[in-house]
PDB file of N, CA and C in Angstrom:
ATOM      1  N   UNK A   1     -28.789  21.899  -0.757  1.00  0.00           N
ATOM      2  CA  UNK A   1     -27.975  22.657  -1.730  1.00  0.00           C
ATOM      3  C   UNK A   1     -28.864  23.716  -2.450  1.00  0.00           C
ATOM      4  N   UNK A   2     -28.351  24.909  -2.424  1.00  0.00           N
ATOM      5  CA  UNK A   2     -29.065  25.991  -3.074  1.00  0.00           C
ATOM      6  C   UNK A   2     -28.925  25.930  -4.598  1.00  0.00           C
ATOM      7  N   UNK A   3     -29.937  26.477  -5.269  1.00  0.00           N
ATOM      8  CA  UNK A   3     -29.951  26.447  -6.738  1.00  0.00           C
ATOM      9  C   UNK A   3     -29.134  27.596  -7.224  1.00  0.00           C
ATOM     10  N   UNK A   4     -28.388  27.337  -8.282  1.00  0.00           N
ATOM     11  CA  UNK A   4     -27.608  28.373  -8.950  1.00  0.00           C
ATOM     12  C   UNK A   4     -28.437  29.325  -9.748  1.00  0.00           C
ATOM     13  N   UNK A   5     -28.094  30.637  -9.846  1.00  0.00           N
ATOM     14  CA  UNK A   5     -28.828  31.584 -10.659  1.00  0.00           C
ATOM     15  C   UNK A   5     -28.804  31.111 -12.150  1.00  0.00           C
ATOM     16  N   UNK A   6     -29.772  31.536 -12.888  1.00  0.00           N
ATOM     17  CA  UNK A   6     -29.896  31.117 -14.317  1.00  0.00           C
ATOM     18  C   UNK A   6     -28.651  31.561 -15.141  1.00  0.00           C
ATOM     19  N   UNK A   7     -28.114  32.744 -14.901  1.00  0.00           N
ATOM     20  CA  UNK A   7     -27.004  33.194 -15.697  1.00  0.00           C
ATOM     21  C   UNK A   7     -25.731  32.349 -15.477  1.00  0.00           C
ATOM     22  N   UNK A   8     -25.543  31.840 -14.197  1.00  0.00           N
ATOM     23  CA  UNK A   8     -24.365  30.965 -13.886  1.00  0.00           C
ATOM     24  C   UNK A   8     -24.622  29.584 -14.513  1.00  0.00           C
ATOM     25  N   UNK A   9     -25.902  29.103 -14.448  1.00  0.00           N
ATOM     26  CA  UNK A   9     -26.162  27.794 -15.142  1.00  0.00           C
ATOM     27  C   UNK A   9     -25.904  27.892 -16.548  1.00  0.00           C
ATOM     28  N   UNK A  10     -26.283  29.013 -17.188  1.00  0.00           N
ATOM     29  CA  UNK A  10     -26.043  29.159 -18.652  1.00  0.00           C
ATOM     30  C   UNK A  10     -24.563  29.214 -19.021  1.00  0.00           C
ATOM     31  N   UNK A  11     -23.809  29.945 -18.231  1.00  0.00           N
ATOM     32  CA  UNK A  11     -22.384  30.051 -18.491  1.00  0.00           C
ATOM     33  C   UNK A  11     -21.734  28.689 -18.318  1.00  0.00           C
ATOM     34  N   UNK A  12     -22.089  27.986 -17.215  1.00  0.00           N
ATOM     35  CA  UNK A  12     -21.449  26.655 -16.999  1.00  0.00           C
ATOM     36  C   UNK A  12     -21.878  25.715 -18.095  1.00  0.00           C
ATOM     37  N   UNK A  13     -23.119  25.683 -18.464  1.00  0.00           N
ATOM     38  CA  UNK A  13     -23.579  24.785 -19.523  1.00  0.00           C
ATOM     39  C   UNK A  13     -22.861  25.118 -20.816  1.00  0.00           C
ATOM     40  N   UNK A  14     -22.719  26.360 -21.131  1.00  0.00           N
ATOM     41  CA  UNK A  14     -22.071  26.747 -22.360  1.00  0.00           C
ATOM     42  C   UNK A  14     -20.582  26.314 -22.391  1.00  0.00           C
ATOM     43  N   UNK A  15     -19.910  26.475 -21.283  1.00  0.00           N
ATOM     44  CA  UNK A  15     -18.528  26.087 -21.182  1.00  0.00           C
ATOM     45  C   UNK A  15     -18.361  24.514 -21.308  1.00  0.00           C
ATOM     46  N   UNK A  16     -19.249  23.797 -20.679  1.00  0.00           N
ATOM     47  CA  UNK A  16     -19.247  22.283 -20.737  1.00  0.00           C
ATOM     48  C   UNK A  16     -19.583  21.837 -22.171  1.00  0.00           C
ATOM     49  N   UNK A  17     -20.550  22.443 -22.853  1.00  0.00           N
ATOM     50  CA  UNK A  17     -20.919  22.081 -24.214  1.00  0.00           C
ATOM     51  C   UNK A  17     -19.771  22.372 -25.158  1.00  0.00           C
ATOM     52  N   UNK A  18     -19.239  23.656 -24.995  1.00  0.00           N
ATOM     53  CA  UNK A  18     -18.023  24.025 -25.830  1.00  0.00           C
ATOM     54  C   UNK A  18     -16.839  23.094 -25.655  1.00  0.00           C
ATOM     55  N   UNK A  19     -16.563  22.674 -24.382  1.00  0.00           N
ATOM     56  CA  UNK A  19     -15.514  21.769 -24.136  1.00  0.00           C
ATOM     57  C   UNK A  19     -15.779  20.376 -24.742  1.00  0.00           C
ATOM     58  N   UNK A  20     -16.979  19.896 -24.608  1.00  0.00           N
ATOM     59  CA  UNK A  20     -17.335  18.579 -25.115  1.00  0.00           C
ATOM     60  C   UNK A  20     -17.285  18.541 -26.639  1.00  0.00           C
ATOM     61  N   UNK A  21     -17.779  19.617 -27.280  1.00  0.00           N
ATOM     62  CA  UNK A  21     -17.692  19.697 -28.741  1.00  0.00           C
ATOM     63  C   UNK A  21     -16.238  19.755 -29.248  1.00  0.00           C
ATOM     64  N   UNK A  22     -15.457  20.482 -28.572  1.00  0.00           N
ATOM     65  CA  UNK A  22     -14.013  20.568 -28.955  1.00  0.00           C
ATOM     66  C   UNK A  22     -13.319  19.257 -28.734  1.00  0.00           C
ATOM     67  N   UNK A  23     -13.575  18.554 -27.643  1.00  0.00           N
ATOM     68  CA  UNK A  23     -13.026  17.258 -27.415  1.00  0.00           C
ATOM     69  C   UNK A  23     -13.468  16.248 -28.461  1.00  0.00           C
ATOM     70  N   UNK A  24     -14.706  16.278 -28.865  1.00  0.00           N
ATOM     71  CA  UNK A  24     -15.232  15.418 -29.905  1.00  0.00           C
ATOM     72  C   UNK A  24     -14.540  15.738 -31.288  1.00  0.00           C
ATOM     73  N   UNK A  25     -14.382  16.997 -31.620  1.00  0.00           N
ATOM     74  CA  UNK A  25     -13.742  17.357 -32.884  1.00  0.00           C
ATOM     75  C   UNK A  25     -12.266  16.890 -32.834  1.00  0.00           C
ATOM     76  N   UNK A  26     -11.604  17.003 -31.666  1.00  0.00           N
ATOM     77  CA  UNK A  26     -10.228  16.564 -31.573  1.00  0.00           C
ATOM     78  C   UNK A  26     -10.129  15.058 -31.769  1.00  0.00           C
ATOM     79  N   UNK A  27     -11.047  14.295 -31.221  1.00  0.00           N
ATOM     80  CA  UNK A  27     -11.046  12.835 -31.379  1.00  0.00           C
ATOM     81  C   UNK A  27     -11.325  12.440 -32.851  1.00  0.00           C
ATOM     82  N   UNK A  28     -12.140  13.267 -33.533  1.00  0.00           N
ATOM     83  CA  UNK A  28     -12.417  12.986 -34.967  1.00  0.00           C
ATOM     84  C   UNK A  28     -11.122  13.225 -35.737  1.00  0.00           C
ATOM     85  N   UNK A  29     -10.427  14.284 -35.375  1.00  0.00           N
ATOM     86  CA  UNK A  29      -9.144  14.573 -36.016  1.00  0.00           C
ATOM     87  C   UNK A  29      -8.110  13.493 -35.845  1.00  0.00           C
ATOM     88  N   UNK A  30      -8.090  12.935 -34.645  1.00  0.00           N
ATOM     89  CA  UNK A  30      -7.132  11.820 -34.380  1.00  0.00           C
ATOM     90  C   UNK A  30      -7.520  10.661 -35.206  1.00  0.00           C
ATOM     91  N   UNK A  31      -8.802  10.373 -35.415  1.00  0.00           N
ATOM     92  CA  UNK A  31      -9.181   9.210 -36.163  1.00  0.00           C
ATOM     93  C   UNK A  31      -9.121   9.363 -37.720  1.00  0.00           C
ATOM     94  N   UNK A  32      -9.377  10.567 -38.187  1.00  0.00           N
ATOM     95  CA  UNK A  32      -9.571  10.793 -39.647  1.00  0.00           C
ATOM     96  C   UNK A  32      -8.416  11.472 -40.406  1.00  0.00           C
ATOM     97  N   UNK A  33      -7.563  12.209 -39.686  1.00  0.00           N
ATOM     98  CA  UNK A  33      -6.474  12.870 -40.464  1.00  0.00           C
ATOM     99  C   UNK A  33      -5.429  11.861 -40.975  1.00  0.00           C
ATOM    100  N   UNK A  34      -4.767  12.210 -42.102  1.00  0.00           N
ATOM    101  CA  UNK A  34      -4.009  11.221 -42.865  1.00  0.00           C
ATOM    102  C   UNK A  34      -2.668  10.869 -42.248  1.00  0.00           C
ATOM    103  N   UNK A  35      -1.922  11.782 -41.616  1.00  0.00           N
ATOM    104  CA  UNK A  35      -0.620  11.472 -41.164  1.00  0.00           C
ATOM    105  C   UNK A  35      -0.343  11.827 -39.695  1.00  0.00           C
ATOM    106  N   UNK A  36       0.798  11.494 -39.196  1.00  0.00           N
ATOM    107  CA  UNK A  36       1.132  11.647 -37.756  1.00  0.00           C
ATOM    108  C   UNK A  36       1.076  13.126 -37.345  1.00  0.00           C
ATOM    109  N   UNK A  37       1.626  14.014 -38.146  1.00  0.00           N
ATOM    110  CA  UNK A  37       1.716  15.406 -37.838  1.00  0.00           C
ATOM    111  C   UNK A  37       0.376  16.051 -37.700  1.00  0.00           C
ATOM    112  N   UNK A  38      -0.483  15.753 -38.586  1.00  0.00           N
ATOM    113  CA  UNK A  38      -1.910  16.248 -38.533  1.00  0.00           C
ATOM    114  C   UNK A  38      -2.673  15.653 -37.394  1.00  0.00           C
ATOM    115  N   UNK A  39      -2.476  14.315 -37.212  1.00  0.00           N
ATOM    116  CA  UNK A  39      -3.132  13.694 -36.070  1.00  0.00           C
ATOM    117  C   UNK A  39      -2.734  14.244 -34.783  1.00  0.00           C
ATOM    118  N   UNK A  40      -1.492  14.643 -34.650  1.00  0.00           N
ATOM    119  CA  UNK A  40      -0.969  15.236 -33.407  1.00  0.00           C
ATOM    120  C   UNK A  40      -1.679  16.513 -33.088  1.00  0.00           C
ATOM    121  N   UNK A  41      -2.051  17.303 -34.093  1.00  0.00           N
ATOM    122  CA  UNK A  41      -2.572  18.673 -33.926  1.00  0.00           C
ATOM    123  C   UNK A  41      -3.931  18.629 -33.289  1.00  0.00           C
ATOM    124  N   UNK A  42      -4.816  17.687 -33.744  1.00  0.00           N
ATOM    125  CA  UNK A  42      -6.262  17.644 -33.249  1.00  0.00           C
ATOM    126  C   UNK A  42      -6.358  17.376 -31.773  1.00  0.00           C
ATOM    127  N   UNK A  43      -5.794  16.334 -31.241  1.00  0.00           N
ATOM    128  CA  UNK A  43      -5.898  16.018 -29.803  1.00  0.00           C
ATOM    129  C   UNK A  43      -5.213  17.084 -28.909  1.00  0.00           C
ATOM    130  N   UNK A  44      -4.174  17.684 -29.393  1.00  0.00           N
ATOM    131  CA  UNK A  44      -3.516  18.693 -28.625  1.00  0.00           C
ATOM    132  C   UNK A  44      -4.393  19.906 -28.415  1.00  0.00           C
ATOM    133  N   UNK A  45      -5.025  20.353 -29.518  1.00  0.00           N
ATOM    134  CA  UNK A  45      -5.933  21.514 -29.312  1.00  0.00           C
ATOM    135  C   UNK A  45      -7.158  21.143 -28.579  1.00  0.00           C
ATOM    136  N   UNK A  46      -7.610  19.873 -28.723  1.00  0.00           N
ATOM    137  CA  UNK A  46      -8.763  19.499 -27.971  1.00  0.00           C
ATOM    138  C   UNK A  46      -8.545  19.355 -26.485  1.00  0.00           C
ATOM    139  N   UNK A  47      -7.333  18.917 -26.105  1.00  0.00           N
ATOM    140  CA  UNK A  47      -7.129  18.854 -24.671  1.00  0.00           C
ATOM    141  C   UNK A  47      -6.882  20.283 -24.083  1.00  0.00           C
ATOM    142  N   UNK A  48      -6.203  21.070 -24.803  1.00  0.00           N
ATOM    143  CA  UNK A  48      -5.924  22.449 -24.282  1.00  0.00           C
ATOM    144  C   UNK A  48      -7.190  23.268 -24.176  1.00  0.00           C
ATOM    145  N   UNK A  49      -7.964  23.376 -25.246  1.00  0.00           N
ATOM    146  CA  UNK A  49      -9.140  24.253 -25.253  1.00  0.00           C
ATOM    147  C   UNK A  49     -10.384  23.554 -24.736  1.00  0.00           C
ATOM    148  N   UNK A  50     -10.593  22.275 -25.109  1.00  0.00           N
ATOM    149  CA  UNK A  50     -11.781  21.604 -24.619  1.00  0.00           C
ATOM    150  C   UNK A  50     -11.790  21.255 -23.165  1.00  0.00           C
ATOM    151  N   UNK A  51     -10.733  20.643 -22.660  1.00  0.00           N
ATOM    152  CA  UNK A  51     -10.722  20.346 -21.243  1.00  0.00           C
ATOM    153  C   UNK A  51     -10.505  21.634 -20.443  1.00  0.00           C
ATOM    154  N   UNK A  52      -9.815  22.628 -21.024  1.00  0.00           N
ATOM    155  CA  UNK A  52      -9.710  23.875 -20.298  1.00  0.00           C
ATOM    156  C   UNK A  52     -11.051  24.570 -20.065  1.00  0.00           C
ATOM    157  N   UNK A  53     -11.935  24.534 -21.101  1.00  0.00           N
ATOM    158  CA  UNK A  53     -13.284  25.111 -20.953  1.00  0.00           C
ATOM    159  C   UNK A  53     -14.082  24.300 -19.941  1.00  0.00           C
ATOM    160  N   UNK A  54     -13.954  22.958 -19.955  1.00  0.00           N
ATOM    161  CA  UNK A  54     -14.684  22.126 -18.984  1.00  0.00           C
ATOM    162  C   UNK A  54     -14.231  22.387 -17.541  1.00  0.00           C
ATOM    163  N   UNK A  55     -12.953  22.624 -17.392  1.00  0.00           N
ATOM    164  CA  UNK A  55     -12.383  22.855 -16.048  1.00  0.00           C
ATOM    165  C   UNK A  55     -12.720  24.229 -15.563  1.00  0.00           C
ATOM    166  N   UNK A  56     -12.808  25.240 -16.439  1.00  0.00           N
ATOM    167  CA  UNK A  56     -13.340  26.561 -16.068  1.00  0.00           C
ATOM    168  C   UNK A  56     -14.751  26.478 -15.607  1.00  0.00           C
ATOM    169  N   UNK A  57     -15.553  25.744 -16.333  1.00  0.00           N
ATOM    170  CA  UNK A  57     -16.999  25.519 -15.950  1.00  0.00           C
ATOM    171  C   UNK A  57     -17.103  24.846 -14.591  1.00  0.00           C
ATOM    172  N   UNK A  58     -16.239  23.834 -14.359  1.00  0.00           N
ATOM    173  CA  UNK A  58     -16.222  23.202 -13.046  1.00  0.00           C
ATOM    174  C   UNK A  58     -15.742  24.101 -11.998  1.00  0.00           C
ATOM    175  N   UNK A  59     -14.760  24.939 -12.285  1.00  0.00           N
ATOM    176  CA  UNK A  59     -14.224  25.856 -11.299  1.00  0.00           C
ATOM    177  C   UNK A  59     -15.340  26.871 -10.868  1.00  0.00           C
ATOM    178  N   UNK A  60     -16.092  27.359 -11.836  1.00  0.00           N
ATOM    179  CA  UNK A  60     -17.202  28.286 -11.523  1.00  0.00           C
ATOM    180  C   UNK A  60     -18.232  27.610 -10.656  1.00  0.00           C
ATOM    181  N   UNK A  61     -18.584  26.421 -11.059  1.00  0.00           N
ATOM    182  CA  UNK A  61     -19.631  25.720 -10.301  1.00  0.00           C
ATOM    183  C   UNK A  61     -19.256  25.480  -8.880  1.00  0.00           C
ATOM    184  N   UNK A  62     -18.086  24.887  -8.667  1.00  0.00           N
ATOM    185  CA  UNK A  62     -17.677  24.486  -7.297  1.00  0.00           C
ATOM    186  C   UNK A  62     -17.288  25.749  -6.503  1.00  0.00           C
ATOM    187  N   UNK A  63     -16.882  26.825  -7.146  1.00  0.00           N
ATOM    188  CA  UNK A  63     -16.581  28.072  -6.418  1.00  0.00           C
ATOM    189  C   UNK A  63     -17.856  28.705  -5.880  1.00  0.00           C
ATOM    190  N   UNK A  64     -18.929  28.651  -6.640  1.00  0.00           N
ATOM    191  CA  UNK A  64     -20.164  29.191  -6.247  1.00  0.00           C
ATOM    192  C   UNK A  64     -20.863  28.348  -5.149  1.00  0.00           C
ATOM    193  N   UNK A  65     -20.860  26.992  -5.358  1.00  0.00           N
ATOM    194  CA  UNK A  65     -21.574  26.168  -4.424  1.00  0.00           C
ATOM    195  C   UNK A  65     -20.841  25.992  -3.073  1.00  0.00           C
ATOM    196  N   UNK A  66     -19.503  26.081  -3.102  1.00  0.00           N
ATOM    197  CA  UNK A  66     -18.746  25.969  -1.865  1.00  0.00           C
ATOM    198  C   UNK A  66     -18.493  27.349  -1.224  1.00  0.00           C
ATOM    199  N   UNK A  67     -18.576  28.352  -1.993  1.00  0.00           N
ATOM    200  CA  UNK A  67     -18.448  29.703  -1.411  1.00  0.00           C
ATOM    201  C   UNK A  67     -16.996  30.163  -1.434  1.00  0.00           C
ATOM    202  N   UNK A  68     -16.073  29.360  -1.892  1.00  0.00           N
ATOM    203  CA  UNK A  68     -14.668  29.743  -1.967  1.00  0.00           C
ATOM    204  C   UNK A  68     -14.076  29.210  -3.201  1.00  0.00           C
ATOM    205  N   UNK A  69     -12.961  29.811  -3.637  1.00  0.00           N
ATOM    206  CA  UNK A  69     -12.252  29.406  -4.867  1.00  0.00           C
ATOM    207  C   UNK A  69     -11.607  28.032  -4.667  1.00  0.00           C
ATOM    208  N   UNK A  70     -11.781  27.121  -5.562  1.00  0.00           N
ATOM    209  CA  UNK A  70     -11.189  25.803  -5.477  1.00  0.00           C
ATOM    210  C   UNK A  70      -9.847  25.719  -6.179  1.00  0.00           C
ATOM    211  N   UNK A  71      -8.891  25.167  -5.502  1.00  0.00           N
ATOM    212  CA  UNK A  71      -7.546  25.108  -5.980  1.00  0.00           C
ATOM    213  C   UNK A  71      -7.284  23.960  -6.962  1.00  0.00           C
ATOM    214  N   UNK A  72      -8.045  22.879  -6.830  1.00  0.00           N
ATOM    215  CA  UNK A  72      -7.834  21.716  -7.635  1.00  0.00           C
ATOM    216  C   UNK A  72      -7.941  21.968  -9.087  1.00  0.00           C
ATOM    217  N   UNK A  73      -9.031  22.639  -9.565  1.00  0.00           N
ATOM    218  CA  UNK A  73      -9.231  22.948 -10.974  1.00  0.00           C
ATOM    219  C   UNK A  73      -8.159  23.922 -11.479  1.00  0.00           C
ATOM    220  N   UNK A  74      -7.754  24.865 -10.690  1.00  0.00           N
ATOM    221  CA  UNK A  74      -6.738  25.798 -11.093  1.00  0.00           C
ATOM    222  C   UNK A  74      -5.429  25.075 -11.349  1.00  0.00           C
ATOM    223  N   UNK A  75      -5.023  24.195 -10.488  1.00  0.00           N
ATOM    224  CA  UNK A  75      -3.807  23.448 -10.705  1.00  0.00           C
ATOM    225  C   UNK A  75      -3.818  22.484 -11.828  1.00  0.00           C
ATOM    226  N   UNK A  76      -4.982  21.826 -12.034  1.00  0.00           N
ATOM    227  CA  UNK A  76      -5.135  20.998 -13.230  1.00  0.00           C
ATOM    228  C   UNK A  76      -5.082  21.813 -14.534  1.00  0.00           C
ATOM    229  N   UNK A  77      -5.801  22.996 -14.554  1.00  0.00           N
ATOM    230  CA  UNK A  77      -5.713  23.773 -15.693  1.00  0.00           C
ATOM    231  C   UNK A  77      -4.344  24.275 -16.029  1.00  0.00           C
ATOM    232  N   UNK A  78      -3.605  24.744 -15.030  1.00  0.00           N
ATOM    233  CA  UNK A  78      -2.201  25.149 -15.276  1.00  0.00           C
ATOM    234  C   UNK A  78      -1.374  24.040 -15.750  1.00  0.00           C
ATOM    235  N   UNK A  79      -1.476  22.853 -15.157  1.00  0.00           N
ATOM    236  CA  UNK A  79      -0.640  21.726 -15.579  1.00  0.00           C
ATOM    237  C   UNK A  79      -0.989  21.364 -17.062  1.00  0.00           C
ATOM    238  N   UNK A  80      -2.331  21.374 -17.367  1.00  0.00           N
ATOM    239  CA  UNK A  80      -2.705  21.052 -18.707  1.00  0.00           C
ATOM    240  C   UNK A  80      -2.268  22.076 -19.773  1.00  0.00           C
ATOM    241  N   UNK A  81      -2.362  23.328 -19.406  1.00  0.00           N
ATOM    242  CA  UNK A  81      -1.911  24.350 -20.443  1.00  0.00           C
ATOM    243  C   UNK A  81      -0.371  24.350 -20.637  1.00  0.00           C
ATOM    244  N   UNK A  82       0.346  23.885 -19.632  1.00  0.00           N
ATOM    245  CA  UNK A  82       1.828  23.837 -19.738  1.00  0.00           C
ATOM    246  C   UNK A  82       2.261  22.586 -20.434  1.00  0.00           C
ATOM    247  N   UNK A  83       1.731  21.470 -20.026  1.00  0.00           N
ATOM    248  CA  UNK A  83       2.222  20.181 -20.562  1.00  0.00           C
ATOM    249  C   UNK A  83       1.717  19.793 -21.941  1.00  0.00           C
ATOM    250  N   UNK A  84       0.449  20.101 -22.336  1.00  0.00           N
ATOM    251  CA  UNK A  84      -0.044  19.681 -23.583  1.00  0.00           C
ATOM    252  C   UNK A  84       0.729  20.153 -24.761  1.00  0.00           C
ATOM    253  N   UNK A  85       1.046  21.507 -24.838  1.00  0.00           N
ATOM    254  CA  UNK A  85       1.865  21.988 -26.049  1.00  0.00           C
ATOM    255  C   UNK A  85       3.254  21.478 -25.988  1.00  0.00           C
ATOM    256  N   UNK A  86       3.851  21.337 -24.824  1.00  0.00           N
ATOM    257  CA  UNK A  86       5.181  20.883 -24.698  1.00  0.00           C
ATOM    258  C   UNK A  86       5.309  19.393 -25.130  1.00  0.00           C
ATOM    259  N   UNK A  87       4.410  18.585 -24.747  1.00  0.00           N
ATOM    260  CA  UNK A  87       4.395  17.137 -25.055  1.00  0.00           C
ATOM    261  C   UNK A  87       4.189  17.040 -26.606  1.00  0.00           C
ATOM    262  N   UNK A  88       3.298  17.832 -27.197  1.00  0.00           N
ATOM    263  CA  UNK A  88       3.110  17.756 -28.666  1.00  0.00           C
ATOM    264  C   UNK A  88       4.379  18.149 -29.388  1.00  0.00           C
ATOM    265  N   UNK A  89       5.064  19.191 -28.908  1.00  0.00           N
ATOM    266  CA  UNK A  89       6.295  19.632 -29.497  1.00  0.00           C
ATOM    267  C   UNK A  89       7.422  18.526 -29.445  1.00  0.00           C
ATOM    268  N   UNK A  90       7.469  17.897 -28.303  1.00  0.00           N
ATOM    269  CA  UNK A  90       8.470  16.801 -28.101  1.00  0.00           C
ATOM    270  C   UNK A  90       8.128  15.680 -29.026  1.00  0.00           C
ATOM    271  N   UNK A  91       6.877  15.278 -29.153  1.00  0.00           N
ATOM    272  CA  UNK A  91       6.454  14.162 -30.073  1.00  0.00           C
ATOM    273  C   UNK A  91       6.781  14.496 -31.462  1.00  0.00           C
ATOM    274  N   UNK A  92       6.549  15.693 -31.922  1.00  0.00           N
ATOM    275  CA  UNK A  92       6.775  16.123 -33.302  1.00  0.00           C
ATOM    276  C   UNK A  92       8.283  16.149 -33.592  1.00  0.00           C
ATOM    277  N   UNK A  93       9.092  16.675 -32.586  1.00  0.00           N
ATOM    278  CA  UNK A  93      10.526  16.588 -32.825  1.00  0.00           C
ATOM    279  C   UNK A  93      11.120  15.165 -32.927  1.00  0.00           C
ATOM    280  N   UNK A  94      10.564  14.317 -32.062  1.00  0.00           N
ATOM    281  CA  UNK A  94      11.044  12.906 -32.139  1.00  0.00           C
ATOM    282  C   UNK A  94      10.546  12.246 -33.441  1.00  0.00           C
ATOM    283  N   UNK A  95       9.467  12.591 -33.925  1.00  0.00           N
ATOM    284  CA  UNK A  95       9.004  12.042 -35.210  1.00  0.00           C
ATOM    285  C   UNK A  95       9.867  12.548 -36.355  1.00  0.00           C
ATOM    286  N   UNK A  96      10.207  13.782 -36.311  1.00  0.00           N
ATOM    287  CA  UNK A  96      11.138  14.376 -37.347  1.00  0.00           C
ATOM    288  C   UNK A  96      12.500  13.652 -37.272  1.00  0.00           C
ATOM    289  N   UNK A  97      13.058  13.461 -36.076  1.00  0.00           N
ATOM    290  CA  UNK A  97      14.323  12.740 -35.966  1.00  0.00           C
ATOM    291  C   UNK A  97      14.216  11.275 -36.363  1.00  0.00           C
ATOM    292  N   UNK A  98      13.047  10.671 -36.163  1.00  0.00           N
ATOM    293  CA  UNK A  98      12.877   9.258 -36.622  1.00  0.00           C
ATOM    294  C   UNK A  98      12.487   9.158 -38.069  1.00  0.00           C
ATOM    295  N   UNK A  99      12.451  10.271 -38.747  1.00  0.00           N
ATOM    296  CA  UNK A  99      12.148  10.384 -40.198  1.00  0.00           C
ATOM    297  C   UNK A  99      10.764   9.809 -40.558  1.00  0.00           C
ATOM    298  N   UNK A 100       9.751  10.199 -39.727  1.00  0.00           N
ATOM    299  CA  UNK A 100       8.384   9.801 -40.010  1.00  0.00           C
ATOM    300  C   UNK A 100       7.844  10.798 -41.026  1.00  0.00           C
ATOM    301  N   UNK A 101       7.389  10.355 -42.137  1.00  0.00           N
ATOM    302  CA  UNK A 101       6.925  11.243 -43.258  1.00  0.00           C
ATOM    303  C   UNK A 101       5.561  11.782 -42.992  1.00  0.00           C
ATOM    304  N   UNK A 102       5.315  12.906 -43.555  1.00  0.00           N
ATOM    305  CA  UNK A 102       3.932  13.397 -43.641  1.00  0.00           C
ATOM    306  C   UNK A 102       3.298  12.829 -44.904  1.00  0.00           C
ATOM    307  N   UNK A 103       2.089  13.280 -45.175  1.00  0.00           N
ATOM    308  CA  UNK A 103       1.323  12.729 -46.330  1.00  0.00           C
ATOM    309  C   UNK A 103       1.990  13.072 -47.657  1.00  0.00           C
ATOM    310  N   UNK A 104       2.794  14.221 -47.702  1.00  0.00           N
ATOM    311  CA  UNK A 104       3.411  14.564 -48.949  1.00  0.00           C
ATOM    312  C   UNK A 104       4.806  13.982 -49.117  1.00  0.00           C
ATOM    313  N   UNK A 105       5.381  13.447 -48.006  1.00  0.00           N
ATOM    314  CA  UNK A 105       6.710  12.942 -48.065  1.00  0.00           C
ATOM    315  C   UNK A 105       7.793  13.949 -48.036  1.00  0.00           C
ATOM    316  N   UNK A 106       7.448  15.167 -47.476  1.00  0.00           N
ATOM    317  CA  UNK A 106       8.274  16.287 -47.529  1.00  0.00           C
ATOM    318  C   UNK A 106       9.219  16.434 -46.258  1.00  0.00           C
ATOM    319  N   UNK A 107       8.966  15.631 -45.212  1.00  0.00           N
ATOM    320  CA  UNK A 107       9.756  15.762 -43.999  1.00  0.00           C
ATOM    321  C   UNK A 107      11.200  15.429 -44.223  1.00  0.00           C
ATOM    322  N   UNK A 108      11.487  14.470 -45.046  1.00  0.00           N
ATOM    323  CA  UNK A 108      12.874  14.087 -45.311  1.00  0.00           C
ATOM    324  C   UNK A 108      13.657  15.312 -45.859  1.00  0.00           C
ATOM    325  N   UNK A 109      13.088  15.996 -46.831  1.00  0.00           N
ATOM    326  CA  UNK A 109      13.750  17.144 -47.533  1.00  0.00           C
ATOM    327  C   UNK A 109      13.910  18.281 -46.450  1.00  0.00           C
ATOM    328  N   UNK A 110      12.956  18.553 -45.638  1.00  0.00           N
ATOM    329  CA  UNK A 110      13.021  19.621 -44.627  1.00  0.00           C
ATOM    330  C   UNK A 110      14.073  19.293 -43.591  1.00  0.00           C
ATOM    331  N   UNK A 111      14.143  18.059 -43.177  1.00  0.00           N
ATOM    332  CA  UNK A 111      15.068  17.706 -42.076  1.00  0.00           C
ATOM    333  C   UNK A 111      16.549  17.725 -42.549  1.00  0.00           C
ATOM    334  N   UNK A 112      16.806  17.512 -43.825  1.00  0.00           N
ATOM    335  CA  UNK A 112      18.154  17.660 -44.277  1.00  0.00           C
ATOM    336  C   UNK A 112      18.708  19.079 -44.089  1.00  0.00           C
ATOM    337  N   UNK A 113      17.822  20.073 -44.269  1.00  0.00           N
ATOM    338  CA  UNK A 113      18.192  21.424 -44.066  1.00  0.00           C
ATOM    339  C   UNK A 113      18.420  21.695 -42.574  1.00  0.00           C
ATOM    340  N   UNK A 114      17.735  21.089 -41.679  1.00  0.00           N
ATOM    341  CA  UNK A 114      17.776  21.343 -40.266  1.00  0.00           C
ATOM    342  C   UNK A 114      19.038  20.739 -39.657  1.00  0.00           C
ATOM    343  N   UNK A 115      19.362  19.561 -40.063  1.00  0.00           N
ATOM    344  CA  UNK A 115      20.454  18.816 -39.398  1.00  0.00           C
ATOM    345  C   UNK A 115      21.660  18.778 -40.257  1.00  0.00           C
TER     346      UNK A 115
END
């Protein structure tokens, strides 16, 4: 196996570190934020941006080492970018319909206006 040039190693390492830091921050948000709606925001952003950066780094690495563009990472990235925001939206809408309150107790008043 041939060694990657230093600039590609740096780009891949930066993307992997960025993705890992974002995933860690998202997991902290899931553990520490006070209510459902805030907890939903952290992991959604972490999966979209964190795993997206890791997949782009993986895509660059395997494209350079194999000599051709890999389709697996592209499909995973597209699936992730489409499904993560949609699933977060569906979860928040179902929480509103189930009358799950936020930390201020304001969801009840807001939903009366919507429905």
